[in-house]
Amino acid sequence: MSGVEIIGGLLRAYEPLTSLVLPVSIKAGRLPDKVVLPAILLRSVSVVDRQRLRPGVLVRSTERVSAAVRAEDY
């Protein structure tokens, strides 16, 4: 699971935000043509995997996620 999916899920579940932006308008990547505005775009900026001294099944990662709001006016 990526950080973009996690943040997208959290934003879609946050009622004060979904009263302003439809949950289907919170998207990852690029905005499709003729999308209903306002919309929120989520993108992964960077991912850093933490190297452990003893390799294991789990790898701890830190991911930076960018959120951009697109609206008809501001």
C-alpha atoms as a PDB file:
ATOM      1  CA  MET A   1       0.000   0.000   0.000  1.00  0.00           C
ATOM      2  CA  SER A   2       1.407   3.379  -0.958  1.00  0.00           C
ATOM      3  CA  GLY A   3       1.297   6.632   0.951  1.00  0.00           C
ATOM      4  CA  VAL A   4      -0.945   8.134  -1.731  1.00  0.00           C
ATOM      5  CA  GLU A   5      -3.544   5.388  -1.144  1.00  0.00           C
ATOM      6  CA  ILE A   6      -3.357   5.887   2.629  1.00  0.00           C
ATOM      7  CA  ILE A   7      -3.706   9.681   2.477  1.00  0.00           C
ATOM      8  CA  GLY A   8      -6.475   9.384  -0.129  1.00  0.00           C
ATOM      9  CA  GLY A   9      -8.411   7.041   2.146  1.00  0.00           C
ATOM     10  CA  LEU A  10      -7.991   9.360   5.119  1.00  0.00           C
ATOM     11  CA  LEU A  11      -9.125  12.405   3.120  1.00  0.00           C
ATOM     12  CA  ARG A  12     -12.155  10.567   1.695  1.00  0.00           C
ATOM     13  CA  ALA A  13     -13.193   9.547   5.226  1.00  0.00           C
ATOM     14  CA  TYR A  14     -12.876  13.090   6.659  1.00  0.00           C
ATOM     15  CA  GLU A  15     -16.434  14.499   6.687  1.00  0.00           C
ATOM     16  CA  PRO A  16     -15.612  18.242   6.902  1.00  0.00           C
ATOM     17  CA  LEU A  17     -13.548  17.872   3.707  1.00  0.00           C
ATOM     18  CA  THR A  18     -16.055  15.699   1.838  1.00  0.00           C
ATOM     19  CA  SER A  19     -18.739  18.316   2.461  1.00  0.00           C
ATOM     20  CA  LEU A  20     -16.641  20.619   0.227  1.00  0.00           C
ATOM     21  CA  VAL A  21     -15.024  18.144  -2.195  1.00  0.00           C
ATOM     22  CA  LEU A  22     -16.735  15.010  -3.487  1.00  0.00           C
ATOM     23  CA  PRO A  23     -14.855  11.826  -2.491  1.00  0.00           C
ATOM     24  CA  VAL A  24     -14.690  10.773  -6.169  1.00  0.00           C
ATOM     25  CA  SER A  25     -12.827  14.043  -6.875  1.00  0.00           C
ATOM     26  CA  ILE A  26      -9.939  13.076  -4.581  1.00  0.00           C
ATOM     27  CA  LYS A  27      -7.632  11.390  -7.076  1.00  0.00           C
ATOM     28  CA  ALA A  28      -4.070  10.179  -7.487  1.00  0.00           C
ATOM     29  CA  GLY A  29      -1.939  11.373 -10.384  1.00  0.00           C
ATOM     30  CA  ARG A  30      -3.319  13.605 -13.121  1.00  0.00           C
ATOM     31  CA  LEU A  31      -6.721  15.165 -13.388  1.00  0.00           C
ATOM     32  CA  PRO A  32      -8.854  13.764 -16.213  1.00  0.00           C
ATOM     33  CA  ASP A  33     -10.559  16.112 -18.678  1.00  0.00           C
ATOM     34  CA  LYS A  34     -13.951  17.515 -17.680  1.00  0.00           C
ATOM     35  CA  VAL A  35     -13.596  16.590 -14.012  1.00  0.00           C
ATOM     36  CA  VAL A  36     -15.938  18.230 -11.522  1.00  0.00           C
ATOM     37  CA  LEU A  37     -14.099  20.952  -9.594  1.00  0.00           C
ATOM     38  CA  PRO A  38     -13.043  21.340  -6.824  1.00  0.00           C
ATOM     39  CA  ALA A  39     -10.715  18.346  -6.846  1.00  0.00           C
ATOM     40  CA  ILE A  40      -7.707  17.206  -4.840  1.00  0.00           C
ATOM     41  CA  LEU A  41      -4.724  15.603  -6.580  1.00  0.00           C
ATOM     42  CA  LEU A  42      -2.355  13.369  -4.633  1.00  0.00           C
ATOM     43  CA  ARG A  43       1.169  12.510  -5.797  1.00  0.00           C
ATOM     44  CA  SER A  44       4.098  10.667  -4.312  1.00  0.00           C
ATOM     45  CA  VAL A  45       7.097  12.993  -4.024  1.00  0.00           C
ATOM     46  CA  SER A  46       9.677  10.563  -2.639  1.00  0.00           C
ATOM     47  CA  VAL A  47       9.987   7.181  -0.944  1.00  0.00           C
ATOM     48  CA  VAL A  48      12.881   6.218   1.338  1.00  0.00           C
ATOM     49  CA  ASP A  49      13.230   2.610   2.486  1.00  0.00           C
ATOM     50  CA  ARG A  50      14.955   2.140   5.837  1.00  0.00           C
ATOM     51  CA  GLN A  51      17.716  -0.463   5.704  1.00  0.00           C
ATOM     52  CA  ARG A  52      17.870  -2.719   8.750  1.00  0.00           C
ATOM     53  CA  LEU A  53      21.000  -4.452   9.956  1.00  0.00           C
ATOM     54  CA  ARG A  54      19.148  -7.759   9.973  1.00  0.00           C
ATOM     55  CA  PRO A  55      17.002  -8.160   6.864  1.00  0.00           C
ATOM     56  CA  GLY A  56      13.445  -9.170   7.619  1.00  0.00           C
ATOM     57  CA  VAL A  57      10.092  -9.560   5.958  1.00  0.00           C
ATOM     58  CA  LEU A  58       8.954  -5.995   6.677  1.00  0.00           C
ATOM     59  CA  VAL A  59      10.655  -2.897   5.297  1.00  0.00           C
ATOM     60  CA  ARG A  60       9.952   0.450   6.921  1.00  0.00           C
ATOM     61  CA  SER A  61       9.410   3.232   4.397  1.00  0.00           C
ATOM     62  CA  THR A  62       8.944   6.972   4.658  1.00  0.00           C
ATOM     63  CA  GLU A  63       6.975   8.574   1.837  1.00  0.00           C
ATOM     64  CA  ARG A  64       6.319  12.236   1.109  1.00  0.00           C
ATOM     65  CA  VAL A  65       2.918  12.886  -0.457  1.00  0.00           C
ATOM     66  CA  SER A  66       1.887  16.118  -2.171  1.00  0.00           C
ATOM     67  CA  ALA A  67      -1.735  17.282  -2.181  1.00  0.00           C
ATOM     68  CA  ALA A  68      -2.829  19.952  -4.668  1.00  0.00           C
ATOM     69  CA  VAL A  69      -6.284  21.528  -4.700  1.00  0.00           C
ATOM     70  CA  ARG A  70      -7.836  22.471  -8.038  1.00  0.00           C
ATOM     71  CA  ALA A  71     -10.842  24.790  -8.037  1.00  0.00           C
ATOM     72  CA  GLU A  72     -12.599  27.162 -10.404  1.00  0.00           C
ATOM     73  CA  ASP A  73     -11.559  30.164  -8.320  1.00  0.00           C
ATOM     74  CA  TYR A  74      -9.749  30.941  -5.119  1.00  0.00           C
END
